[in-house]
Amino acid sequence: MSEPTIFGLFSGTVGFAVFVIAAWKIASWLARKGHVVRPATWMDHQMTKIENVAAEKKRAAETFDRD
């Protein structure tokens, strides 16, 4: 295997920077649209389910209090 060249390292760095900036811009755009952007992990999936259940219970309690 050959040693990495300066051009290869430079192009890899630029490519990585473009990827990071694009991901940042997409996340910012989604956040403005009201989406919560988080890493996609099993723990995140479980936390999202818990948050949704808690929000549903809160809405139900508010509706019950009005009645």
N, C-alpha and C. Protein backbone atom coordinates (compact mmCIF):
# COMPACT_ATOMS: atom_id res chain seq x y z
N MET A 1 0.84 -1.16 0.00
CA MET A 1 0.00 0.00 0.00
C MET A 1 0.90 1.23 0.00
N SER A 2 0.54 2.21 -0.79
CA SER A 2 1.39 3.40 -0.91
C SER A 2 1.08 4.42 0.19
N GLU A 3 2.03 5.27 0.43
CA GLU A 3 1.86 6.34 1.41
C GLU A 3 0.85 7.36 0.89
N PRO A 4 0.08 7.98 1.79
CA PRO A 4 -0.84 9.02 1.34
C PRO A 4 -0.08 10.24 0.84
N THR A 5 -0.59 10.83 -0.21
CA THR A 5 0.05 12.02 -0.76
C THR A 5 -0.57 13.27 -0.15
N ILE A 6 0.09 14.38 -0.33
CA ILE A 6 -0.44 15.65 0.16
C ILE A 6 -1.78 15.94 -0.51
N PHE A 7 -1.87 15.67 -1.80
CA PHE A 7 -3.13 15.91 -2.53
C PHE A 7 -4.24 15.02 -1.97
N GLY A 8 -3.92 13.78 -1.66
CA GLY A 8 -4.93 12.87 -1.11
C GLY A 8 -5.40 13.32 0.26
N LEU A 9 -4.48 13.73 1.10
CA LEU A 9 -4.85 14.23 2.43
C LEU A 9 -5.67 15.51 2.33
N PHE A 10 -5.26 16.40 1.43
CA PHE A 10 -5.99 17.65 1.25
C PHE A 10 -7.40 17.40 0.75
N SER A 11 -7.54 16.55 -0.27
CA SER A 11 -8.87 16.28 -0.83
C SER A 11 -9.74 15.55 0.19
N GLY A 12 -9.15 14.68 0.99
CA GLY A 12 -9.92 14.01 2.04
C GLY A 12 -10.40 14.98 3.10
N THR A 13 -9.54 15.92 3.48
CA THR A 13 -9.91 16.93 4.46
C THR A 13 -11.01 17.83 3.93
N VAL A 14 -10.88 18.25 2.68
CA VAL A 14 -11.91 19.09 2.07
C VAL A 14 -13.23 18.33 1.98
N GLY A 15 -13.17 17.07 1.58
CA GLY A 15 -14.38 16.26 1.48
C GLY A 15 -15.06 16.10 2.83
N PHE A 16 -14.27 15.86 3.86
CA PHE A 16 -14.84 15.73 5.20
C PHE A 16 -15.46 17.04 5.67
N ALA A 17 -14.78 18.15 5.39
CA ALA A 17 -15.32 19.47 5.77
C ALA A 17 -16.64 19.75 5.06
N VAL A 18 -16.72 19.41 3.79
CA VAL A 18 -17.97 19.62 3.04
C VAL A 18 -19.09 18.77 3.64
N PHE A 19 -18.77 17.53 4.00
CA PHE A 19 -19.76 16.65 4.62
C PHE A 19 -20.27 17.23 5.94
N VAL A 20 -19.36 17.69 6.80
CA VAL A 20 -19.74 18.24 8.09
C VAL A 20 -20.58 19.50 7.92
N ILE A 21 -20.19 20.37 7.03
CA ILE A 21 -20.94 21.61 6.80
C ILE A 21 -22.33 21.29 6.24
N ALA A 22 -22.41 20.35 5.31
CA ALA A 22 -23.71 19.98 4.74
C ALA A 22 -24.61 19.38 5.82
N ALA A 23 -24.06 18.52 6.67
CA ALA A 23 -24.86 17.94 7.75
C ALA A 23 -25.34 19.03 8.71
N TRP A 24 -24.48 19.98 9.00
CA TRP A 24 -24.85 21.09 9.89
C TRP A 24 -25.97 21.92 9.29
N LYS A 25 -25.86 22.23 8.00
CA LYS A 25 -26.89 23.03 7.33
C LYS A 25 -28.23 22.30 7.29
N ILE A 26 -28.19 21.00 7.01
CA ILE A 26 -29.42 20.21 6.96
C ILE A 26 -30.06 20.16 8.34
N ALA A 27 -29.24 19.96 9.38
CA ALA A 27 -29.76 19.91 10.74
C ALA A 27 -30.38 21.25 11.13
N SER A 28 -29.74 22.35 10.75
CA SER A 28 -30.28 23.68 11.05
C SER A 28 -31.61 23.91 10.33
N TRP A 29 -31.67 23.50 9.07
CA TRP A 29 -32.90 23.66 8.30
C TRP A 29 -34.03 22.83 8.92
N LEU A 30 -33.74 21.59 9.30
CA LEU A 30 -34.76 20.76 9.92
C LEU A 30 -35.20 21.33 11.27
N ALA A 31 -34.27 21.88 12.03
CA ALA A 31 -34.62 22.48 13.32
C ALA A 31 -35.56 23.67 13.13
N ARG A 32 -35.32 24.47 12.09
CA ARG A 32 -36.21 25.59 11.82
C ARG A 32 -37.61 25.11 11.43
N LYS A 33 -37.68 23.95 10.81
CA LYS A 33 -38.98 23.38 10.42
C LYS A 33 -39.69 22.71 11.59
N GLY A 34 -39.03 22.62 12.75
CA GLY A 34 -39.66 22.04 13.93
C GLY A 34 -39.28 20.61 14.21
N HIS A 35 -38.38 20.04 13.43
CA HIS A 35 -37.95 18.67 13.68
C HIS A 35 -36.80 18.68 14.69
N VAL A 36 -36.81 17.70 15.58
CA VAL A 36 -35.71 17.56 16.53
C VAL A 36 -34.68 16.63 15.89
N VAL A 37 -33.48 17.14 15.72
CA VAL A 37 -32.43 16.37 15.07
C VAL A 37 -31.54 15.78 16.15
N ARG A 38 -31.48 14.46 16.19
CA ARG A 38 -30.67 13.75 17.17
C ARG A 38 -29.96 12.59 16.49
N PRO A 39 -28.94 12.08 17.15
CA PRO A 39 -28.30 10.87 16.61
C PRO A 39 -29.28 9.71 16.62
N ALA A 40 -29.23 8.89 15.62
CA ALA A 40 -30.15 7.76 15.52
C ALA A 40 -29.56 6.57 16.24
N THR A 41 -29.92 6.42 17.50
CA THR A 41 -29.44 5.29 18.30
C THR A 41 -30.64 4.63 18.96
N TRP A 42 -30.43 3.46 19.52
CA TRP A 42 -31.50 2.76 20.20
C TRP A 42 -31.98 3.56 21.41
N MET A 43 -31.04 4.13 22.15
CA MET A 43 -31.41 4.92 23.32
C MET A 43 -32.24 6.13 22.89
N ASP A 44 -31.86 6.76 21.79
CA ASP A 44 -32.61 7.90 21.30
C ASP A 44 -34.03 7.48 20.93
N HIS A 45 -34.16 6.33 20.30
CA HIS A 45 -35.48 5.82 19.92
C HIS A 45 -36.34 5.64 21.17
N GLN A 46 -35.76 5.05 22.21
CA GLN A 46 -36.50 4.83 23.44
C GLN A 46 -36.87 6.16 24.11
N MET A 47 -35.94 7.11 24.13
CA MET A 47 -36.22 8.41 24.73
C MET A 47 -37.33 9.14 23.97
N THR A 48 -37.33 9.03 22.65
CA THR A 48 -38.38 9.66 21.85
C THR A 48 -39.74 9.05 22.19
N LYS A 49 -39.79 7.74 22.35
CA LYS A 49 -41.05 7.10 22.73
C LYS A 49 -41.52 7.59 24.08
N ILE A 50 -40.60 7.70 25.04
CA ILE A 50 -40.95 8.18 26.37
C ILE A 50 -41.46 9.61 26.31
N GLU A 51 -40.78 10.45 25.53
CA GLU A 51 -41.22 11.84 25.39
C GLU A 51 -42.60 11.94 24.76
N ASN A 52 -42.86 11.12 23.77
CA ASN A 52 -44.18 11.15 23.12
C ASN A 52 -45.28 10.71 24.09
N VAL A 53 -45.01 9.67 24.88
CA VAL A 53 -46.00 9.21 25.86
C VAL A 53 -46.23 10.29 26.91
N ALA A 54 -45.17 10.93 27.37
CA ALA A 54 -45.31 11.99 28.37
C ALA A 54 -46.12 13.16 27.81
N ALA A 55 -45.87 13.54 26.57
CA ALA A 55 -46.62 14.64 25.95
C ALA A 55 -48.09 14.26 25.79
N GLU A 56 -48.35 13.01 25.44
CA GLU A 56 -49.73 12.55 25.29
C GLU A 56 -50.45 12.57 26.64
N LYS A 57 -49.77 12.13 27.69
CA LYS A 57 -50.37 12.16 29.03
C LYS A 57 -50.64 13.59 29.48
N LYS A 58 -49.73 14.50 29.15
CA LYS A 58 -49.91 15.90 29.53
C LYS A 58 -51.12 16.49 28.82
N ARG A 59 -51.25 16.18 27.51
CA ARG A 59 -52.42 16.67 26.77
C ARG A 59 -53.71 16.09 27.35
N ALA A 60 -53.69 14.81 27.71
CA ALA A 60 -54.87 14.17 28.27
C ALA A 60 -55.23 14.80 29.62
N ALA A 61 -54.23 15.10 30.42
CA ALA A 61 -54.49 15.71 31.72
C ALA A 61 -55.05 17.12 31.55
N GLU A 62 -54.56 17.87 30.60
CA GLU A 62 -55.08 19.21 30.35
C GLU A 62 -56.52 19.15 29.88
N THR A 63 -56.82 18.17 29.02
CA THR A 63 -58.20 18.01 28.55
C THR A 63 -59.12 17.61 29.70
N PHE A 64 -58.65 16.72 30.58
CA PHE A 64 -59.45 16.28 31.72
C PHE A 64 -59.69 17.43 32.67
N ASP A 65 -58.68 18.30 32.87
CA ASP A 65 -58.84 19.45 33.78
C ASP A 65 -59.86 20.43 33.26
N ARG A 66 -59.97 20.58 31.95
CA ARG A 66 -60.94 21.51 31.37
C ARG A 66 -62.37 21.03 31.53
N ASP A 67 -62.53 19.72 31.58
CA ASP A 67 -63.90 19.16 31.67
C ASP A 67 -64.51 19.33 33.01
